[in-house]
Structure formats: C-alpha cells, structure tokens
PDB file of N, CA and C in Angstrom:
ATOM      1  N   MET A   1      85.954 128.105  45.175  1.00  0.00           N
ATOM      2  CA  MET A   1      85.923 129.603  44.951  1.00  0.00           C
ATOM      3  C   MET A   1      85.260 130.535  45.511  1.00  0.00           C
ATOM      4  N   GLU A   2      85.680 132.064  46.144  1.00  0.00           N
ATOM      5  CA  GLU A   2      84.598 132.777  46.826  1.00  0.00           C
ATOM      6  C   GLU A   2      84.365 133.794  45.664  1.00  0.00           C
ATOM      7  N   VAL A   3      83.217 134.174  45.922  1.00  0.00           N
ATOM      8  CA  VAL A   3      82.414 135.281  44.904  1.00  0.00           C
ATOM      9  C   VAL A   3      82.552 136.416  45.756  1.00  0.00           C
ATOM     10  N   LEU A   4      83.100 137.378  44.782  1.00  0.00           N
ATOM     11  CA  LEU A   4      83.506 138.734  45.246  1.00  0.00           C
ATOM     12  C   LEU A   4      82.164 139.747  45.140  1.00  0.00           C
ATOM     13  N   THR A   5      81.765 140.442  45.971  1.00  0.00           N
ATOM     14  CA  THR A   5      80.805 141.590  45.372  1.00  0.00           C
ATOM     15  C   THR A   5      81.566 142.623  44.492  1.00  0.00           C
ATOM     16  N   PHE A   6      81.141 143.673  44.488  1.00  0.00           N
ATOM     17  CA  PHE A   6      81.591 144.946  43.717  1.00  0.00           C
ATOM     18  C   PHE A   6      82.448 145.509  44.687  1.00  0.00           C
ATOM     19  N   ASP A   7      81.788 145.963  45.878  1.00  0.00           N
ATOM     20  CA  ASP A   7      82.648 146.383  47.025  1.00  0.00           C
ATOM     21  C   ASP A   7      84.043 145.934  47.225  1.00  0.00           C
ATOM     22  N   GLN A   8      84.118 144.694  47.298  1.00  0.00           N
ATOM     23  CA  GLN A   8      85.171 143.950  47.139  1.00  0.00           C
ATOM     24  C   GLN A   8      86.337 143.660  46.013  1.00  0.00           C
ATOM     25  N   LEU A   9      85.509 143.952  45.262  1.00  0.00           N
ATOM     26  CA  LEU A   9      86.679 143.986  44.043  1.00  0.00           C
ATOM     27  C   LEU A   9      87.909 144.848  44.212  1.00  0.00           C
ATOM     28  N   PRO A  10      87.878 146.325  44.544  1.00  0.00           N
ATOM     29  CA  PRO A  10      89.530 146.749  44.525  1.00  0.00           C
ATOM     30  C   PRO A  10      90.470 146.218  45.968  1.00  0.00           C
ATOM     31  N   LYS A  11      89.695 145.793  47.023  1.00  0.00           N
ATOM     32  CA  LYS A  11      91.074 144.817  47.899  1.00  0.00           C
ATOM     33  C   LYS A  11      91.012 143.703  47.253  1.00  0.00           C
ATOM     34  N   ALA A  12      90.763 142.966  46.173  1.00  0.00           N
ATOM     35  CA  ALA A  12      90.797 141.463  46.134  1.00  0.00           C
ATOM     36  C   ALA A  12      91.960 141.798  44.531  1.00  0.00           C
ATOM     37  N   VAL A  13      91.783 142.997  43.664  1.00  0.00           N
ATOM     38  CA  VAL A  13      92.775 143.513  43.130  1.00  0.00           C
ATOM     39  C   VAL A  13      94.412 143.717  43.321  1.00  0.00           C
ATOM     40  N   SER A  14      94.226 144.441  44.544  1.00  0.00           N
ATOM     41  CA  SER A  14      95.052 145.215  45.167  1.00  0.00           C
ATOM     42  C   SER A  14      96.054 143.561  45.757  1.00  0.00           C
ATOM     43  N   GLU A  15      95.291 143.135  46.280  1.00  0.00           N
ATOM     44  CA  GLU A  15      95.571 141.527  46.969  1.00  0.00           C
ATOM     45  C   GLU A  15      96.633 141.003  45.710  1.00  0.00           C
ATOM     46  N   LEU A  16      95.975 140.884  44.615  1.00  0.00           N
ATOM     47  CA  LEU A  16      96.343 139.819  43.836  1.00  0.00           C
ATOM     48  C   LEU A  16      97.726 140.481  43.058  1.00  0.00           C
ATOM     49  N   LEU A  17      97.628 142.056  42.880  1.00  0.00           N
ATOM     50  CA  LEU A  17      98.850 142.560  42.497  1.00  0.00           C
ATOM     51  C   LEU A  17     100.118 142.340  43.328  1.00  0.00           C
ATOM     52  N   GLU A  18      99.804 142.310  44.739  1.00  0.00           N
ATOM     53  CA  GLU A  18     100.937 142.407  45.711  1.00  0.00           C
ATOM     54  C   GLU A  18     101.414 140.719  45.169  1.00  0.00           C
ATOM     55  N   LYS A  19     100.785 139.714  45.545  1.00  0.00           N
ATOM     56  CA  LYS A  19     101.133 138.563  45.051  1.00  0.00           C
ATOM     57  C   LYS A  19     101.792 138.103  43.685  1.00  0.00           C
ATOM     58  N   VAL A  20     101.161 139.259  42.588  1.00  0.00           N
ATOM     59  CA  VAL A  20     102.075 138.652  41.300  1.00  0.00           C
ATOM     60  C   VAL A  20     103.509 139.532  41.730  1.00  0.00           C
ATOM     61  N   SER A  21     103.455 140.501  42.672  1.00  0.00           N
ATOM     62  CA  SER A  21     104.963 141.221  42.323  1.00  0.00           C
ATOM     63  C   SER A  21     105.664 140.412  43.152  1.00  0.00           C
ATOM     64  N   LYS A  22     105.014 139.741  44.165  1.00  0.00           N
ATOM     65  CA  LYS A  22     105.776 138.883  45.007  1.00  0.00           C
ATOM     66  C   LYS A  22     106.557 137.975  44.116  1.00  0.00           C
ATOM     67  N   ILE A  23     105.892 137.251  43.178  1.00  0.00           N
ATOM     68  CA  ILE A  23     106.111 136.213  42.390  1.00  0.00           C
ATOM     69  C   ILE A  23     107.380 136.811  41.460  1.00  0.00           C
ATOM     70  N   GLU A  24     107.082 137.869  41.008  1.00  0.00           N
ATOM     71  CA  GLU A  24     108.382 138.164  39.969  1.00  0.00           C
ATOM     72  C   GLU A  24     109.697 138.594  40.573  1.00  0.00           C
ATOM     73  N   ASP A  25     109.339 138.996  41.609  1.00  0.00           N
ATOM     74  CA  ASP A  25     110.752 138.736  43.008  1.00  0.00           C
ATOM     75  C   ASP A  25     111.310 137.565  42.931  1.00  0.00           C
ATOM     76  N   ILE A  26     110.340 136.616  43.499  1.00  0.00           N
ATOM     77  CA  ILE A  26     110.909 135.255  43.457  1.00  0.00           C
ATOM     78  C   ILE A  26     112.016 134.588  42.025  1.00  0.00           C
ATOM     79  N   LEU A  27     110.898 135.080  40.864  1.00  0.00           N
ATOM     80  CA  LEU A  27     111.544 134.384  39.572  1.00  0.00           C
ATOM     81  C   LEU A  27     112.592 135.608  39.139  1.00  0.00           C
ATOM     82  N   SER A  28     112.549 136.534  39.467  1.00  0.00           N
ATOM     83  CA  SER A  28     113.956 137.584  39.026  1.00  0.00           C
ATOM     84  C   SER A  28     115.176 136.816  39.616  1.00  0.00           C
ATOM     85  N   HIS A  29     115.013 136.565  41.250  1.00  0.00           N
ATOM     86  CA  HIS A  29     116.225 136.414  41.869  1.00  0.00           C
ATOM     87  C   HIS A  29     116.614 135.154  41.279  1.00  0.00           C
ATOM     88  N   ASP A  30     115.907 133.819  40.992  1.00  0.00           N
ATOM     89  CA  ASP A  30     116.298 132.604  40.610  1.00  0.00           C
ATOM     90  C   ASP A  30     116.589 132.297  39.481  1.00  0.00           C
ATOM     91  N   HIS A  31     116.709 133.523  38.351  1.00  0.00           N
ATOM     92  CA  HIS A  31     117.291 133.667  36.787  1.00  0.00           C
ATOM     93  C   HIS A  31     117.930 134.643  37.350  1.00  0.00           C
ATOM     94  N   PRO A  32     118.596 134.238  35.709  1.00  0.00           N
ATOM     95  CA  PRO A  32     119.676 135.610  35.685  1.00  0.00           C
ATOM     96  C   PRO A  32     119.103 136.253  34.637  1.00  0.00           C
ATOM     97  N   ASN A  33     119.592 137.896  34.600  1.00  0.00           N
ATOM     98  CA  ASN A  33     118.786 138.625  33.812  1.00  0.00           C
ATOM     99  C   ASN A  33     118.876 138.572  32.410  1.00  0.00           C
ATOM    100  N   GLU A  34     117.980 138.038  31.628  1.00  0.00           N
ATOM    101  CA  GLU A  34     117.907 137.628  30.027  1.00  0.00           C
ATOM    102  C   GLU A  34     118.763 138.460  29.320  1.00  0.00           C
ATOM    103  N   THR A  35     118.689 139.909  29.350  1.00  0.00           N
ATOM    104  CA  THR A  35     119.880 140.993  28.670  1.00  0.00           C
ATOM    105  C   THR A  35     120.639 140.931  29.447  1.00  0.00           C
ATOM    106  N   ASP A  36     121.488 140.029  30.442  1.00  0.00           N
ATOM    107  CA  ASP A  36     123.057 140.492  30.576  1.00  0.00           C
ATOM    108  C   ASP A  36     123.965 139.303  29.737  1.00  0.00           C
ATOM    109  N   SER A  37     124.731 140.643  29.055  1.00  0.00           N
ATOM    110  CA  SER A  37     125.217 140.022  28.436  1.00  0.00           C
ATOM    111  C   SER A  37     126.771 139.431  28.773  1.00  0.00           C
ATOM    112  N   ASP A  38     126.841 139.605  29.657  1.00  0.00           N
ATOM    113  CA  ASP A  38     128.242 138.920  30.580  1.00  0.00           C
ATOM    114  C   ASP A  38     127.742 137.776  31.568  1.00  0.00           C
ATOM    115  N   CYS A  39     126.566 137.067  31.277  1.00  0.00           N
ATOM    116  CA  CYS A  39     125.772 135.783  32.304  1.00  0.00           C
ATOM    117  C   CYS A  39     126.674 134.780  31.772  1.00  0.00           C
ATOM    118  N   LEU A  40     127.535 134.186  32.659  1.00  0.00           N
ATOM    119  CA  LEU A  40     128.365 132.847  32.617  1.00  0.00           C
ATOM    120  C   LEU A  40     127.825 131.804  33.153  1.00  0.00           C
ATOM    121  N   PHE A  41     127.830 130.553  32.626  1.00  0.00           N
ATOM    122  CA  PHE A  41     127.130 129.571  33.218  1.00  0.00           C
ATOM    123  C   PHE A  41     127.966 128.251  33.310  1.00  0.00           C
ATOM    124  N   SER A  42     127.979 127.567  34.745  1.00  0.00           N
ATOM    125  CA  SER A  42     128.842 126.451  34.856  1.00  0.00           C
ATOM    126  C   SER A  42     128.688 125.540  33.898  1.00  0.00           C
ATOM    127  N   ILE A  43     128.792 124.237  34.221  1.00  0.00           N
ATOM    128  CA  ILE A  43     128.777 123.505  33.177  1.00  0.00           C
ATOM    129  C   ILE A  43     127.420 122.651  33.210  1.00  0.00           C
ATOM    130  N   LYS A  44     126.783 122.447  34.647  1.00  0.00           N
ATOM    131  CA  LYS A  44     125.757 122.146  34.583  1.00  0.00           C
ATOM    132  C   LYS A  44     124.307 122.928  33.903  1.00  0.00           C
ATOM    133  N   GLN A  45     124.424 124.397  34.322  1.00  0.00           N
ATOM    134  CA  GLN A  45     123.721 125.096  33.644  1.00  0.00           C
ATOM    135  C   GLN A  45     123.769 125.393  32.012  1.00  0.00           C
ATOM    136  N   ALA A  46     125.281 125.308  32.087  1.00  0.00           N
ATOM    137  CA  ALA A  46     125.074 125.174  30.333  1.00  0.00           C
ATOM    138  C   ALA A  46     124.365 123.711  29.740  1.00  0.00           C
ATOM    139  N   SER A  47     124.801 122.742  30.298  1.00  0.00           N
ATOM    140  CA  SER A  47     123.890 121.229  30.131  1.00  0.00           C
ATOM    141  C   SER A  47     122.323 121.820  30.181  1.00  0.00           C
ATOM    142  N   ALA A  48     122.177 122.136  31.326  1.00  0.00           N
ATOM    143  CA  ALA A  48     120.552 122.417  31.117  1.00  0.00           C
ATOM    144  C   ALA A  48     120.239 123.736  30.120  1.00  0.00           C
ATOM    145  N   PHE A  49     120.735 124.747  29.606  1.00  0.00           N
ATOM    146  CA  PHE A  49     120.439 125.304  28.751  1.00  0.00           C
ATOM    147  C   PHE A  49     120.837 124.741  27.263  1.00  0.00           C
ATOM    148  N   LEU A  50     121.391 124.267  26.983  1.00  0.00           N
ATOM    149  CA  LEU A  50     121.585 123.530  25.581  1.00  0.00           C
ATOM    150  C   LEU A  50     120.808 122.486  25.417  1.00  0.00           C
ATOM    151  N   ASN A  51     120.314 121.624  26.600  1.00  0.00           N
ATOM    152  CA  ASN A  51     120.007 120.565  26.518  1.00  0.00           C
ATOM    153  C   ASN A  51     120.581 119.660  25.818  1.00  0.00           C
ATOM    154  N   LEU A  52     121.892 119.187  26.702  1.00  0.00           N
ATOM    155  CA  LEU A  52     122.993 118.159  26.159  1.00  0.00           C
ATOM    156  C   LEU A  52     123.192 117.446  27.855  1.00  0.00           C
ATOM    157  N   SER A  53     123.630 116.809  27.498  1.00  0.00           N
ATOM    158  CA  SER A  53     124.387 116.181  28.337  1.00  0.00           C
ATOM    159  C   SER A  53     125.690 116.479  28.730  1.00  0.00           C
ATOM    160  N   ILE A  54     125.999 116.693  30.339  1.00  0.00           N
ATOM    161  CA  ILE A  54     127.603 116.952  30.529  1.00  0.00           C
ATOM    162  C   ILE A  54     128.790 116.284  30.370  1.00  0.00           C
ATOM    163  N   SER A  55     128.740 115.269  29.803  1.00  0.00           N
ATOM    164  CA  SER A  55     129.603 114.025  29.281  1.00  0.00           C
ATOM    165  C   SER A  55     129.730 114.804  27.801  1.00  0.00           C
ATOM    166  N   THR A  56     128.593 115.016  27.274  1.00  0.00           N
ATOM    167  CA  THR A  56     128.496 115.467  25.559  1.00  0.00           C
ATOM    168  C   THR A  56     129.404 116.753  25.590  1.00  0.00           C
ATOM    169  N   ILE A  57     128.789 117.476  26.572  1.00  0.00           N
ATOM    170  CA  ILE A  57     129.395 119.061  26.666  1.00  0.00           C
ATOM    171  C   ILE A  57     130.852 118.932  26.999  1.00  0.00           C
ATOM    172  N   TYR A  58     131.408 118.157  27.888  1.00  0.00           N
ATOM    173  CA  TYR A  58     132.906 117.776  27.918  1.00  0.00           C
ATOM    174  C   TYR A  58     133.319 117.542  26.582  1.00  0.00           C
ATOM    175  N   GLY A  59     132.928 116.816  25.993  1.00  0.00           N
ATOM    176  CA  GLY A  59     133.275 116.263  24.355  1.00  0.00           C
ATOM    177  C   GLY A  59     133.629 116.880  23.584  1.00  0.00           C
ATOM    178  N   LYS A  60     132.622 117.951  23.734  1.00  0.00           N
ATOM    179  CA  LYS A  60     132.529 118.999  22.468  1.00  0.00           C
ATOM    180  C   LYS A  60     133.733 120.087  22.658  1.00  0.00           C
ATOM    181  N   VAL A  61     133.989 120.281  24.465  1.00  0.00           N
ATOM    182  CA  VAL A  61     135.161 121.224  25.031  1.00  0.00           C
ATOM    183  C   VAL A  61     136.551 120.513  24.413  1.00  0.00           C
ATOM    184  N   CYS A  62     136.919 119.167  24.791  1.00  0.00           N
ATOM    185  CA  CYS A  62     137.829 118.527  24.300  1.00  0.00           C
ATOM    186  C   CYS A  62     137.947 118.718  22.574  1.00  0.00           C
ATOM    187  N   ARG A  63     137.483 118.804  22.223  1.00  0.00           N
ATOM    188  CA  ARG A  63     137.156 118.607  20.075  1.00  0.00           C
ATOM    189  C   ARG A  63     137.537 120.040  20.116  1.00  0.00           C
ATOM    190  N   ARG A  64     136.938 121.218  20.817  1.00  0.00           N
ATOM    191  CA  ARG A  64     137.379 122.266  20.397  1.00  0.00           C
ATOM    192  C   ARG A  64     135.718 122.972  19.697  1.00  0.00           C
ATOM    193  N   GLU A  65     135.376 122.611  20.061  1.00  0.00           N
ATOM    194  CA  GLU A  65     133.453 122.672  19.283  1.00  0.00           C
ATOM    195  C   GLU A  65     132.320 123.530  19.928  1.00  0.00           C
ATOM    196  N   ILE A  66     132.548 124.100  20.878  1.00  0.00           N
ATOM    197  CA  ILE A  66     131.924 124.775  21.542  1.00  0.00           C
ATOM    198  C   ILE A  66     133.123 125.920  22.168  1.00  0.00           C
ATOM    199  N   PRO A  67     132.193 126.931  22.340  1.00  0.00           N
ATOM    200  CA  PRO A  67     132.975 127.989  22.875  1.00  0.00           C
ATOM    201  C   PRO A  67     132.938 128.197  24.626  1.00  0.00           C
ATOM    202  N   VAL A  68     134.406 128.185  25.057  1.00  0.00           N
ATOM    203  CA  VAL A  68     134.431 127.782  26.410  1.00  0.00           C
ATOM    204  C   VAL A  68     135.462 128.709  26.938  1.00  0.00           C
ATOM    205  N   SER A  69     135.211 129.320  28.761  1.00  0.00           N
ATOM    206  CA  SER A  69     136.512 129.940  29.086  1.00  0.00           C
ATOM    207  C   SER A  69     136.753 128.836  30.310  1.00  0.00           C
ATOM    208  N   LYS A  70     138.254 128.902  30.191  1.00  0.00           N
ATOM    209  CA  LYS A  70     138.558 127.922  31.624  1.00  0.00           C
ATOM    210  C   LYS A  70     139.504 128.769  32.304  1.00  0.00           C
ATOM    211  N   GLN A  71     139.265 128.473  33.871  1.00  0.00           N
ATOM    212  CA  GLN A  71     140.057 129.373  34.863  1.00  0.00           C
ATOM    213  C   GLN A  71     140.299 128.237  35.754  1.00  0.00           C
ATOM    214  N   GLY A  72     141.485 127.675  36.012  1.00  0.00           N
ATOM    215  CA  GLY A  72     142.069 126.498  36.893  1.00  0.00           C
ATOM    216  C   GLY A  72     141.271 125.245  36.268  1.00  0.00           C
ATOM    217  N   LYS A  73     140.371 124.575  37.073  1.00  0.00           N
ATOM    218  CA  LYS A  73     139.494 123.348  36.447  1.00  0.00           C
ATOM    219  C   LYS A  73     138.338 123.644  36.498  1.00  0.00           C
ATOM    220  N   LYS A  74     137.779 124.855  36.240  1.00  0.00           N
ATOM    221  CA  LYS A  74     136.458 125.329  35.910  1.00  0.00           C
ATOM    222  C   LYS A  74     136.434 125.732  34.796  1.00  0.00           C
ATOM    223  N   LEU A  75     135.196 125.358  34.073  1.00  0.00           N
ATOM    224  CA  LEU A  75     134.741 125.501  32.542  1.00  0.00           C
ATOM    225  C   LEU A  75     133.534 126.607  32.878  1.00  0.00           C
ATOM    226  N   TYR A  76     133.897 127.610  32.094  1.00  0.00           N
ATOM    227  CA  TYR A  76     132.788 128.695  32.109  1.00  0.00           C
ATOM    228  C   TYR A  76     132.122 129.117  30.636  1.00  0.00           C
ATOM    229  N   PHE A  77     130.736 128.915  30.501  1.00  0.00           N
ATOM    230  CA  PHE A  77     130.261 129.230  29.041  1.00  0.00           C
ATOM    231  C   PHE A  77     129.185 130.598  29.391  1.00  0.00           C
ATOM    232  N   ASN A  78     129.959 131.530  28.200  1.00  0.00           N
ATOM    233  CA  ASN A  78     129.403 133.049  27.731  1.00  0.00           C
ATOM    234  C   ASN A  78     127.909 132.468  27.294  1.00  0.00           C
ATOM    235  N   LYS A  79     126.487 132.808  27.750  1.00  0.00           N
ATOM    236  CA  LYS A  79     125.641 132.584  27.394  1.00  0.00           C
ATOM    237  C   LYS A  79     125.348 133.247  25.818  1.00  0.00           C
ATOM    238  N   ASN A  80     125.794 134.453  25.824  1.00  0.00           N
ATOM    239  CA  ASN A  80     125.424 135.158  24.322  1.00  0.00           C
ATOM    240  C   ASN A  80     126.453 134.093  23.074  1.00  0.00           C
ATOM    241  N   GLU A  81     127.762 133.845  23.452  1.00  0.00           N
ATOM    242  CA  GLU A  81     128.328 132.947  22.841  1.00  0.00           C
ATOM    243  C   GLU A  81     128.034 131.807  22.428  1.00  0.00           C
ATOM    244  N   LEU A  82     127.250 131.225  23.398  1.00  0.00           N
ATOM    245  CA  LEU A  82     126.414 129.972  23.374  1.00  0.00           C
ATOM    246  C   LEU A  82     125.041 129.620  22.428  1.00  0.00           C
ATOM    247  N   LEU A  83     124.762 131.006  22.385  1.00  0.00           N
ATOM    248  CA  LEU A  83     123.475 131.354  21.569  1.00  0.00           C
ATOM    249  C   LEU A  83     124.095 131.440  19.963  1.00  0.00           C
ATOM    250  N   GLU A  84     125.385 132.144  20.016  1.00  0.00           N
ATOM    251  CA  GLU A  84     125.852 132.650  18.456  1.00  0.00           C
ATOM    252  C   GLU A  84     126.005 131.058  17.910  1.00  0.00           C
ATOM    253  N   TRP A  85     126.705 130.364  18.858  1.00  0.00           N
ATOM    254  CA  TRP A  85     127.451 128.789  18.466  1.00  0.00           C
ATOM    255  C   TRP A  85     125.869 128.212  17.866  1.00  0.00           C
ATOM    256  N   ILE A  86     125.298 128.140  18.423  1.00  0.00           N
ATOM    257  CA  ILE A  86     123.932 127.342  18.145  1.00  0.00           C
ATOM    258  C   ILE A  86     123.356 127.930  16.632  1.00  0.00           C
ATOM    259  N   ARG A  87     122.896 129.447  16.777  1.00  0.00           N
ATOM    260  CA  ARG A  87     123.090 130.199  15.634  1.00  0.00           C
ATOM    261  C   ARG A  87     123.322 129.586  14.014  1.00  0.00           C
ATOM    262  N   SER A  88     125.232 129.525  14.585  1.00  0.00           N
ATOM    263  CA  SER A  88     125.618 129.046  13.340  1.00  0.00           C
ATOM    264  C   SER A  88     125.853 127.681  12.901  1.00  0.00           C
ATOM    265  N   GLY A  89     125.264 126.884  13.686  1.00  0.00           N
ATOM    266  CA  GLY A  89     124.566 125.686  12.677  1.00  0.00           C
ATOM    267  C   GLY A  89     123.598 125.745  12.265  1.00  0.00           C
ATOM    268  N   LYS A  90     122.848 126.903  12.326  1.00  0.00           N
ATOM    269  CA  LYS A  90     121.399 126.969  10.969  1.00  0.00           C
ATOM    270  C   LYS A  90     122.081 126.359   9.733  1.00  0.00           C
ATOM    271  N   LYS A  91     121.123 125.304   9.340  1.00  0.00           N
ATOM    272  CA  LYS A  91     121.065 125.241   7.894  1.00  0.00           C
ATOM    273  C   LYS A  91     119.775 125.724   6.916  1.00  0.00           C
ATOM    274  N   SER A  92     120.321 126.248   5.912  1.00  0.00           N
ATOM    275  CA  SER A  92     119.851 127.387   5.065  1.00  0.00           C
ATOM    276  C   SER A  92     118.607 126.322   4.683  1.00  0.00           C
ATOM    277  N   THR A  93     117.744 127.084   4.141  1.00  0.00           N
ATOM    278  CA  THR A  93     116.182 126.282   3.567  1.00  0.00           C
ATOM    279  C   THR A  93     116.555 126.248   2.186  1.00  0.00           C
ATOM    280  N   LEU A  94     115.486 125.396   1.362  1.00  0.00           N
ATOM    281  CA  LEU A  94     115.564 125.300   0.122  1.00  0.00           C
ATOM    282  C   LEU A  94     115.274 127.002  -0.512  1.00  0.00           C
ATOM    283  N   SER A  95     114.485 127.465  -0.055  1.00  0.00           N
ATOM    284  CA  SER A  95     114.559 129.037  -0.452  1.00  0.00           C
ATOM    285  C   SER A  95     115.482 129.936  -0.619  1.00  0.00           C
ATOM    286  N   GLU A  96     116.257 129.719   0.644  1.00  0.00           N
ATOM    287  CA  GLU A  96     117.768 130.349   0.489  1.00  0.00           C
ATOM    288  C   GLU A  96     118.561 130.060  -0.223  1.00  0.00           C
ATOM    289  N   ILE A  97     118.718 128.790  -0.226  1.00  0.00           N
ATOM    290  CA  ILE A  97     120.001 128.436  -1.506  1.00  0.00           C
ATOM    291  C   ILE A  97     119.816 129.183  -2.496  1.00  0.00           C
ATOM    292  N   ALA A  98     118.379 128.693  -2.840  1.00  0.00           N
ATOM    293  CA  ALA A  98     117.690 129.319  -4.409  1.00  0.00           C
ATOM    294  C   ALA A  98     118.027 130.887  -4.494  1.00  0.00           C
ATOM    295  N   ASN A  99     117.518 131.306  -3.630  1.00  0.00           N
ATOM    296  CA  ASN A  99     118.329 133.298  -3.368  1.00  0.00           C
ATOM    297  C   ASN A  99     119.515 133.022  -3.260  1.00  0.00           C
ATOM    298  N   SER A 100     120.585 132.414  -3.383  1.00  0.00           N
ATOM    299  CA  SER A 100     121.848 132.928  -3.115  1.00  0.00           C
ATOM    300  C   SER A 100     122.195 132.895  -4.504  1.00  0.00           C
ATOM    301  N   ILE A 101     121.639 131.168  -4.978  1.00  0.00           N
ATOM    302  CA  ILE A 101     122.152 130.868  -6.323  1.00  0.00           C
ATOM    303  C   ILE A 101     121.782 132.285  -7.618  1.00  0.00           C
ATOM    304  N   ASN A 102     120.163 132.528  -7.045  1.00  0.00           N
ATOM    305  CA  ASN A 102     120.261 133.557  -8.099  1.00  0.00           C
ATOM    306  C   ASN A 102     121.240 135.109  -7.829  1.00  0.00           C
ATOM    307  N   LEU A 103     121.722 134.622  -6.808  1.00  0.00           N
ATOM    308  CA  LEU A 103     122.555 136.544  -6.832  1.00  0.00           C
ATOM    309  C   LEU A 103     124.155 136.069  -7.217  1.00  0.00           C
ATOM    310  N   ILE A 104     124.633 135.089  -7.425  1.00  0.00           N
ATOM    311  CA  ILE A 104     125.362 135.109  -8.177  1.00  0.00           C
ATOM    312  C   ILE A 104     126.132 135.300  -9.266  1.00  0.00           C
ATOM    313  N   PRO A 105     126.801 136.691  -9.484  1.00  0.00           N
ATOM    314  CA  PRO A 105     127.013 137.103 -11.486  1.00  0.00           C
ATOM    315  C   PRO A 105     126.925 135.896 -12.190  1.00  0.00           C
ATOM    316  N   GLY A 106     126.737 136.347 -13.113  1.00  0.00           N
ATOM    317  CA  GLY A 106     126.402 135.487 -14.652  1.00  0.00           C
ATOM    318  C   GLY A 106     125.846 134.626 -14.515  1.00  0.00           C
ATOM    319  N   ARG A 107     125.379 134.021 -13.461  1.00  0.00           N
ATOM    320  CA  ARG A 107     124.918 132.789 -13.167  1.00  0.00           C
ATOM    321  C   ARG A 107     123.288 132.872 -14.284  1.00  0.00           C
ATOM    322  N   ARG A 108     122.924 131.982 -15.088  1.00  0.00           N
ATOM    323  CA  ARG A 108     121.478 132.144 -15.647  1.00  0.00           C
ATOM    324  C   ARG A 108     120.927 131.027 -15.255  1.00  0.00           C
ATOM    325  N   ARG A 109     119.537 131.178 -15.120  1.00  0.00           N
ATOM    326  CA  ARG A 109     118.349 130.138 -15.185  1.00  0.00           C
ATOM    327  C   ARG A 109     118.159 129.465 -16.116  1.00  0.00           C
TER     328      ARG A 109
END
C-alpha cells in the first residue's frame, strides 16, 4: 500500500470518489430498484429471492399457495406481493397472543 503525503490527499480522495461512483452505477444496473413497486421476477429470480427451489415454487403455484401472474407459459412474480405473502405467514409471539387475549371484552384474568 502506497503512503500518501498531505499534498496527495485531495487527488486520492477524488479518485476514490470516482471509483465508488462507478461501482454504484454498476450495482444499480445489475439490480432492480428496491423501491420499484412494479418489479416483476421470473421464476429463477423468485427462487433466488425466496431462497426456494424452482420445483418448490412450481408446487406452490399449482396449489395456489403463492401469488403469481401467468402470461402464456411464463410465470411472473410481483416483488411486493411476495413480500406480503412472506409477512402473512408470520407467527405471533407469546406476548402478542397474551395481549390479544387481554383485549377480548368480558375476558377476565
């Protein structure tokens, strides 16, 4: 690693910022924008996103367990719908269950 002098520091910072900017550009082209609500995944992308095998996803599609759109023979998965589907499977914690029981009218402890 090269030792920089105080006079070389502004140039080195400038070069570093340029390299970081190029890396950000490359990464933004490789991955869809996270805030894009219309982001559609192919089955391969959905498989990677959900960390499930493609055959598992096909099984869930057949059993209508996972949100999917079909155009011809192609399957498309909306990212936001997949996130909502994942969240819908959340199990309640014991404290959440206890709180919901305490909120029931007429229920005494």
